[in-house]
């Protein structure tokens, strides 16, 4: 078993609960799937990428494209480690995952900056300083590309929104669960 997280507290908690697991405190994009698995077959890859930049819980906060892109690491692992089964857990809004655009002032139409100020007329604002929001015209575009990339690698992909309390977990949060298989077995939901 292998676990990877950039956060020391998350790794520490996982180590306490799963001492037999090899733990990597690292950026998941920097961990090489082939080295981490030592070339051995992988039965299950479970991914739980950061959901805050997809969630409505973040309200009107600006979104970060790099954090929103964490799910793409799943395709890297699929391509390099070839797990038989992949599961992903996230907020249901991830199915609306698409490109980001600069938020604009309603009165002037000019770009709003991350500090809350409005760009001056004619000012070019670097993307790193733009208050980014999901592009409503392209909602779901990136999610569909993500699913297609797994399907193109031979996975059957399904997802459902479930409430964990309905299955015995002590939380009423509604979450999206995705299952991808390429072992010829059916996906069976509870």
C-alpha atoms as a PDB file:
ATOM      1  CA  UNK A   1       0.000   0.000   0.000  1.00  0.00           C
ATOM      2  CA  UNK A   2       1.152   3.501  -0.868  1.00  0.00           C
ATOM      3  CA  UNK A   3      -0.175   6.877   0.269  1.00  0.00           C
ATOM      4  CA  UNK A   4       0.843  10.318  -0.936  1.00  0.00           C
ATOM      5  CA  UNK A   5      -0.070  13.772   0.330  1.00  0.00           C
ATOM      6  CA  UNK A   6       1.766  17.082   0.439  1.00  0.00           C
ATOM      7  CA  UNK A   7       0.428  17.828   3.934  1.00  0.00           C
ATOM      8  CA  UNK A   8       2.465  16.567   6.910  1.00  0.00           C
ATOM      9  CA  UNK A   9      -0.606  16.389   9.169  1.00  0.00           C
ATOM     10  CA  UNK A  10      -2.530  14.289   6.643  1.00  0.00           C
ATOM     11  CA  UNK A  11       0.402  11.892   6.247  1.00  0.00           C
ATOM     12  CA  UNK A  12       0.856  11.663  10.029  1.00  0.00           C
ATOM     13  CA  UNK A  13      -2.822  10.780  10.555  1.00  0.00           C
ATOM     14  CA  UNK A  14      -2.717   8.205   7.767  1.00  0.00           C
ATOM     15  CA  UNK A  15       0.489   6.668   9.205  1.00  0.00           C
ATOM     16  CA  UNK A  16      -1.200   6.298  12.597  1.00  0.00           C
ATOM     17  CA  UNK A  17      -4.157   4.490  11.027  1.00  0.00           C
ATOM     18  CA  UNK A  18      -2.239   2.524   8.374  1.00  0.00           C
ATOM     19  CA  UNK A  19       1.267   1.770   9.677  1.00  0.00           C
ATOM     20  CA  UNK A  20       1.899  -0.930   7.029  1.00  0.00           C
ATOM     21  CA  UNK A  21       1.589   1.614   4.217  1.00  0.00           C
ATOM     22  CA  UNK A  22       4.555   3.322   2.560  1.00  0.00           C
ATOM     23  CA  UNK A  23       3.938   7.045   2.927  1.00  0.00           C
ATOM     24  CA  UNK A  24       5.222   9.813   0.706  1.00  0.00           C
ATOM     25  CA  UNK A  25       4.965  13.423   1.804  1.00  0.00           C
ATOM     26  CA  UNK A  26       5.194  14.972  -1.631  1.00  0.00           C
ATOM     27  CA  UNK A  27       3.323  16.787  -4.349  1.00  0.00           C
ATOM     28  CA  UNK A  28       1.366  13.992  -6.020  1.00  0.00           C
ATOM     29  CA  UNK A  29       2.456  15.288  -9.436  1.00  0.00           C
ATOM     30  CA  UNK A  30       6.103  14.778  -8.436  1.00  0.00           C
ATOM     31  CA  UNK A  31       5.736  11.169  -7.235  1.00  0.00           C
ATOM     32  CA  UNK A  32       6.625   8.763 -10.043  1.00  0.00           C
ATOM     33  CA  UNK A  33       4.005   5.985 -10.265  1.00  0.00           C
ATOM     34  CA  UNK A  34       6.494   3.415 -11.609  1.00  0.00           C
ATOM     35  CA  UNK A  35       9.028   4.106  -8.860  1.00  0.00           C
ATOM     36  CA  UNK A  36       6.419   4.243  -6.096  1.00  0.00           C
ATOM     37  CA  UNK A  37       4.902   0.894  -7.122  1.00  0.00           C
ATOM     38  CA  UNK A  38       8.317  -0.620  -7.909  1.00  0.00           C
ATOM     39  CA  UNK A  39       6.758  -1.931 -11.117  1.00  0.00           C
ATOM     40  CA  UNK A  40       4.353  -4.238  -9.268  1.00  0.00           C
ATOM     41  CA  UNK A  41       0.731  -4.659 -10.395  1.00  0.00           C
ATOM     42  CA  UNK A  42      -1.745  -2.204  -8.883  1.00  0.00           C
ATOM     43  CA  UNK A  43      -5.163  -3.476  -7.900  1.00  0.00           C
ATOM     44  CA  UNK A  44      -6.740  -0.219  -6.731  1.00  0.00           C
ATOM     45  CA  UNK A  45      -5.907   3.445  -7.005  1.00  0.00           C
ATOM     46  CA  UNK A  46      -8.057   5.680  -4.807  1.00  0.00           C
ATOM     47  CA  UNK A  47      -7.891   9.409  -5.431  1.00  0.00           C
ATOM     48  CA  UNK A  48      -9.399  12.134  -3.340  1.00  0.00           C
ATOM     49  CA  UNK A  49      -8.176  15.347  -4.974  1.00  0.00           C
ATOM     50  CA  UNK A  50      -8.753  18.679  -3.247  1.00  0.00           C
ATOM     51  CA  UNK A  51     -12.380  19.652  -3.740  1.00  0.00           C
ATOM     52  CA  UNK A  52     -12.431  23.211  -2.432  1.00  0.00           C
ATOM     53  CA  UNK A  53     -11.896  24.814  -5.844  1.00  0.00           C
ATOM     54  CA  UNK A  54     -14.841  22.867  -7.309  1.00  0.00           C
ATOM     55  CA  UNK A  55     -17.218  23.219  -4.368  1.00  0.00           C
ATOM     56  CA  UNK A  56     -19.996  25.734  -3.837  1.00  0.00           C
ATOM     57  CA  UNK A  57     -18.716  25.821  -0.238  1.00  0.00           C
ATOM     58  CA  UNK A  58     -15.949  28.124  -1.494  1.00  0.00           C
ATOM     59  CA  UNK A  59     -18.724  30.572  -2.364  1.00  0.00           C
ATOM     60  CA  UNK A  60     -17.558  33.520  -4.399  1.00  0.00           C
ATOM     61  CA  UNK A  61     -13.875  32.879  -3.738  1.00  0.00           C
ATOM     62  CA  UNK A  62     -11.461  32.887  -6.672  1.00  0.00           C
ATOM     63  CA  UNK A  63     -10.509  29.492  -8.060  1.00  0.00           C
ATOM     64  CA  UNK A  64      -7.031  28.090  -8.590  1.00  0.00           C
ATOM     65  CA  UNK A  65      -6.494  26.205 -11.862  1.00  0.00           C
ATOM     66  CA  UNK A  66      -3.631  24.087 -10.508  1.00  0.00           C
ATOM     67  CA  UNK A  67      -5.666  22.833  -7.561  1.00  0.00           C
ATOM     68  CA  UNK A  68      -8.667  22.183  -9.829  1.00  0.00           C
ATOM     69  CA  UNK A  69      -6.367  20.115 -12.067  1.00  0.00           C
ATOM     70  CA  UNK A  70      -5.366  17.623  -9.345  1.00  0.00           C
ATOM     71  CA  UNK A  71      -7.662  14.955 -10.795  1.00  0.00           C
ATOM     72  CA  UNK A  72      -5.436  14.778 -13.888  1.00  0.00           C
ATOM     73  CA  UNK A  73      -2.876  12.913 -11.777  1.00  0.00           C
ATOM     74  CA  UNK A  74      -5.293   9.962 -11.957  1.00  0.00           C
ATOM     75  CA  UNK A  75      -4.699   9.681 -15.698  1.00  0.00           C
ATOM     76  CA  UNK A  76      -0.950   9.752 -15.119  1.00  0.00           C
ATOM     77  CA  UNK A  77      -1.226   6.847 -12.685  1.00  0.00           C
ATOM     78  CA  UNK A  78      -3.608   5.038 -15.031  1.00  0.00           C
ATOM     79  CA  UNK A  79      -1.118   5.345 -17.865  1.00  0.00           C
ATOM     80  CA  UNK A  80       1.992   4.422 -15.874  1.00  0.00           C
ATOM     81  CA  UNK A  81       0.797   2.052 -13.132  1.00  0.00           C
ATOM     82  CA  UNK A  82      -2.269   0.603 -14.916  1.00  0.00           C
ATOM     83  CA  UNK A  83      -4.437  -0.060 -11.846  1.00  0.00           C
ATOM     84  CA  UNK A  84      -7.222  -2.554 -12.447  1.00  0.00           C
ATOM     85  CA  UNK A  85      -9.683  -0.328 -10.569  1.00  0.00           C
ATOM     86  CA  UNK A  86      -9.679   3.412  -9.893  1.00  0.00           C
ATOM     87  CA  UNK A  87     -11.954   5.186  -7.454  1.00  0.00           C
ATOM     88  CA  UNK A  88     -12.262   8.926  -7.035  1.00  0.00           C
ATOM     89  CA  UNK A  89     -14.182  10.815  -4.360  1.00  0.00           C
ATOM     90  CA  UNK A  90     -15.021  14.509  -4.602  1.00  0.00           C
ATOM     91  CA  UNK A  91     -17.853  17.034  -4.501  1.00  0.00           C
ATOM     92  CA  UNK A  92     -20.626  16.576  -7.054  1.00  0.00           C
ATOM     93  CA  UNK A  93     -19.726  19.925  -8.638  1.00  0.00           C
ATOM     94  CA  UNK A  94     -16.583  18.349 -10.128  1.00  0.00           C
ATOM     95  CA  UNK A  95     -18.801  17.211 -13.009  1.00  0.00           C
ATOM     96  CA  UNK A  96     -19.055  20.941 -13.891  1.00  0.00           C
ATOM     97  CA  UNK A  97     -15.222  21.162 -14.057  1.00  0.00           C
ATOM     98  CA  UNK A  98     -14.215  23.363 -16.944  1.00  0.00           C
ATOM     99  CA  UNK A  99     -11.950  26.255 -17.851  1.00  0.00           C
ATOM    100  CA  UNK A 100     -11.616  29.337 -15.676  1.00  0.00           C
ATOM    101  CA  UNK A 101     -12.133  32.934 -16.815  1.00  0.00           C
ATOM    102  CA  UNK A 102     -11.472  36.294 -15.222  1.00  0.00           C
ATOM    103  CA  UNK A 103     -14.337  37.669 -13.170  1.00  0.00           C
ATOM    104  CA  UNK A 104     -15.462  41.008 -14.584  1.00  0.00           C
ATOM    105  CA  UNK A 105     -16.922  44.092 -13.004  1.00  0.00           C
ATOM    106  CA  UNK A 106     -20.615  44.289 -13.939  1.00  0.00           C
ATOM    107  CA  UNK A 107     -20.599  48.041 -14.458  1.00  0.00           C
ATOM    108  CA  UNK A 108     -17.409  48.440 -16.520  1.00  0.00           C
ATOM    109  CA  UNK A 109     -16.792  44.938 -17.881  1.00  0.00           C
ATOM    110  CA  UNK A 110     -13.149  45.202 -16.794  1.00  0.00           C
ATOM    111  CA  UNK A 111     -11.221  42.409 -15.083  1.00  0.00           C
ATOM    112  CA  UNK A 112     -11.400  42.116 -11.305  1.00  0.00           C
ATOM    113  CA  UNK A 113      -8.034  41.443  -9.676  1.00  0.00           C
ATOM    114  CA  UNK A 114      -7.324  39.034  -6.825  1.00  0.00           C
ATOM    115  CA  UNK A 115      -6.936  42.016  -4.464  1.00  0.00           C
ATOM    116  CA  UNK A 116     -10.524  43.070  -5.294  1.00  0.00           C
ATOM    117  CA  UNK A 117      -9.584  46.097  -7.381  1.00  0.00           C
ATOM    118  CA  UNK A 118     -10.802  46.634 -10.926  1.00  0.00           C
ATOM    119  CA  UNK A 119      -8.342  46.881 -13.804  1.00  0.00           C
ATOM    120  CA  UNK A 120      -7.814  50.342 -15.233  1.00  0.00           C
ATOM    121  CA  UNK A 121      -9.082  50.985 -18.771  1.00  0.00           C
ATOM    122  CA  UNK A 122      -6.693  49.261 -21.202  1.00  0.00           C
ATOM    123  CA  UNK A 123      -4.733  47.552 -18.394  1.00  0.00           C
ATOM    124  CA  UNK A 124      -3.550  44.013 -19.157  1.00  0.00           C
ATOM    125  CA  UNK A 125      -3.796  41.954 -15.968  1.00  0.00           C
ATOM    126  CA  UNK A 126      -1.551  38.852 -15.723  1.00  0.00           C
ATOM    127  CA  UNK A 127      -3.541  35.659 -15.163  1.00  0.00           C
ATOM    128  CA  UNK A 128      -1.841  35.194 -11.769  1.00  0.00           C
ATOM    129  CA  UNK A 129      -3.487  38.454 -10.647  1.00  0.00           C
ATOM    130  CA  UNK A 130      -6.938  37.796 -12.112  1.00  0.00           C
ATOM    131  CA  UNK A 131      -9.860  36.775  -9.914  1.00  0.00           C
ATOM    132  CA  UNK A 132     -10.688  33.507 -11.699  1.00  0.00           C
ATOM    133  CA  UNK A 133     -14.102  31.858 -11.776  1.00  0.00           C
ATOM    134  CA  UNK A 134     -15.524  28.859 -13.666  1.00  0.00           C
ATOM    135  CA  UNK A 135     -16.551  29.685 -17.232  1.00  0.00           C
ATOM    136  CA  UNK A 136     -20.310  28.931 -17.240  1.00  0.00           C
ATOM    137  CA  UNK A 137     -20.305  28.518 -21.036  1.00  0.00           C
ATOM    138  CA  UNK A 138     -17.839  25.632 -20.759  1.00  0.00           C
ATOM    139  CA  UNK A 139     -19.138  23.917 -17.608  1.00  0.00           C
ATOM    140  CA  UNK A 140     -18.293  20.213 -17.587  1.00  0.00           C
ATOM    141  CA  UNK A 141     -15.886  20.401 -20.543  1.00  0.00           C
ATOM    142  CA  UNK A 142     -12.802  19.370 -18.562  1.00  0.00           C
ATOM    143  CA  UNK A 143     -14.680  16.657 -16.624  1.00  0.00           C
ATOM    144  CA  UNK A 144     -15.818  15.081 -19.895  1.00  0.00           C
ATOM    145  CA  UNK A 145     -12.234  15.190 -21.247  1.00  0.00           C
ATOM    146  CA  UNK A 146     -10.977  13.581 -18.021  1.00  0.00           C
ATOM    147  CA  UNK A 147     -13.515  10.738 -18.289  1.00  0.00           C
ATOM    148  CA  UNK A 148     -12.752  10.282 -22.023  1.00  0.00           C
ATOM    149  CA  UNK A 149      -9.033   9.984 -21.277  1.00  0.00           C
ATOM    150  CA  UNK A 150      -9.715   7.098 -18.885  1.00  0.00           C
ATOM    151  CA  UNK A 151     -12.078   5.480 -21.376  1.00  0.00           C
ATOM    152  CA  UNK A 152      -9.389   5.795 -24.065  1.00  0.00           C
ATOM    153  CA  UNK A 153      -7.079   3.787 -21.772  1.00  0.00           C
ATOM    154  CA  UNK A 154      -9.626   0.970 -21.681  1.00  0.00           C
ATOM    155  CA  UNK A 155     -11.528   1.871 -18.519  1.00  0.00           C
ATOM    156  CA  UNK A 156     -15.274   1.647 -18.092  1.00  0.00           C
ATOM    157  CA  UNK A 157     -16.197   4.745 -16.080  1.00  0.00           C
ATOM    158  CA  UNK A 158     -19.267   5.447 -13.968  1.00  0.00           C
ATOM    159  CA  UNK A 159     -20.035   7.961 -11.236  1.00  0.00           C
ATOM    160  CA  UNK A 160     -22.786   8.591  -8.758  1.00  0.00           C
ATOM    161  CA  UNK A 161     -23.618  11.104  -6.080  1.00  0.00           C
ATOM    162  CA  UNK A 162     -24.148   9.357  -2.756  1.00  0.00           C
ATOM    163  CA  UNK A 163     -24.800  10.446   0.806  1.00  0.00           C
ATOM    164  CA  UNK A 164     -22.291   8.655   3.023  1.00  0.00           C
ATOM    165  CA  UNK A 165     -24.725   8.395   5.965  1.00  0.00           C
ATOM    166  CA  UNK A 166     -26.919   6.117   3.835  1.00  0.00           C
ATOM    167  CA  UNK A 167     -24.061   3.581   3.932  1.00  0.00           C
ATOM    168  CA  UNK A 168     -23.079   3.802   7.602  1.00  0.00           C
ATOM    169  CA  UNK A 169     -20.571   6.655   7.602  1.00  0.00           C
ATOM    170  CA  UNK A 170     -20.993   9.281  10.336  1.00  0.00           C
ATOM    171  CA  UNK A 171     -21.488  12.179   7.900  1.00  0.00           C
ATOM    172  CA  UNK A 172     -24.406  13.474   5.874  1.00  0.00           C
ATOM    173  CA  UNK A 173     -22.242  15.033   3.185  1.00  0.00           C
ATOM    174  CA  UNK A 174     -23.251  14.374  -0.382  1.00  0.00           C
ATOM    175  CA  UNK A 175     -20.220  13.252  -2.414  1.00  0.00           C
ATOM    176  CA  UNK A 176     -19.466  12.155  -5.943  1.00  0.00           C
ATOM    177  CA  UNK A 177     -17.909   8.716  -6.300  1.00  0.00           C
ATOM    178  CA  UNK A 178     -16.358   7.645  -9.578  1.00  0.00           C
ATOM    179  CA  UNK A 179     -15.332   4.081 -10.377  1.00  0.00           C
ATOM    180  CA  UNK A 180     -13.215   3.138 -13.382  1.00  0.00           C
ATOM    181  CA  UNK A 181     -12.441  -0.510 -14.168  1.00  0.00           C
ATOM    182  CA  UNK A 182     -10.485  -2.228 -16.879  1.00  0.00           C
ATOM    183  CA  UNK A 183     -10.433  -5.733 -15.472  1.00  0.00           C
ATOM    184  CA  UNK A 184     -13.571  -6.959 -17.226  1.00  0.00           C
ATOM    185  CA  UNK A 185     -15.605  -7.012 -14.002  1.00  0.00           C
ATOM    186  CA  UNK A 186     -18.821  -5.013 -13.652  1.00  0.00           C
ATOM    187  CA  UNK A 187     -19.038  -1.864 -11.591  1.00  0.00           C
ATOM    188  CA  UNK A 188     -21.376  -2.676  -8.702  1.00  0.00           C
ATOM    189  CA  UNK A 189     -22.851   0.146  -6.636  1.00  0.00           C
ATOM    190  CA  UNK A 190     -24.150  -0.244  -3.075  1.00  0.00           C
END
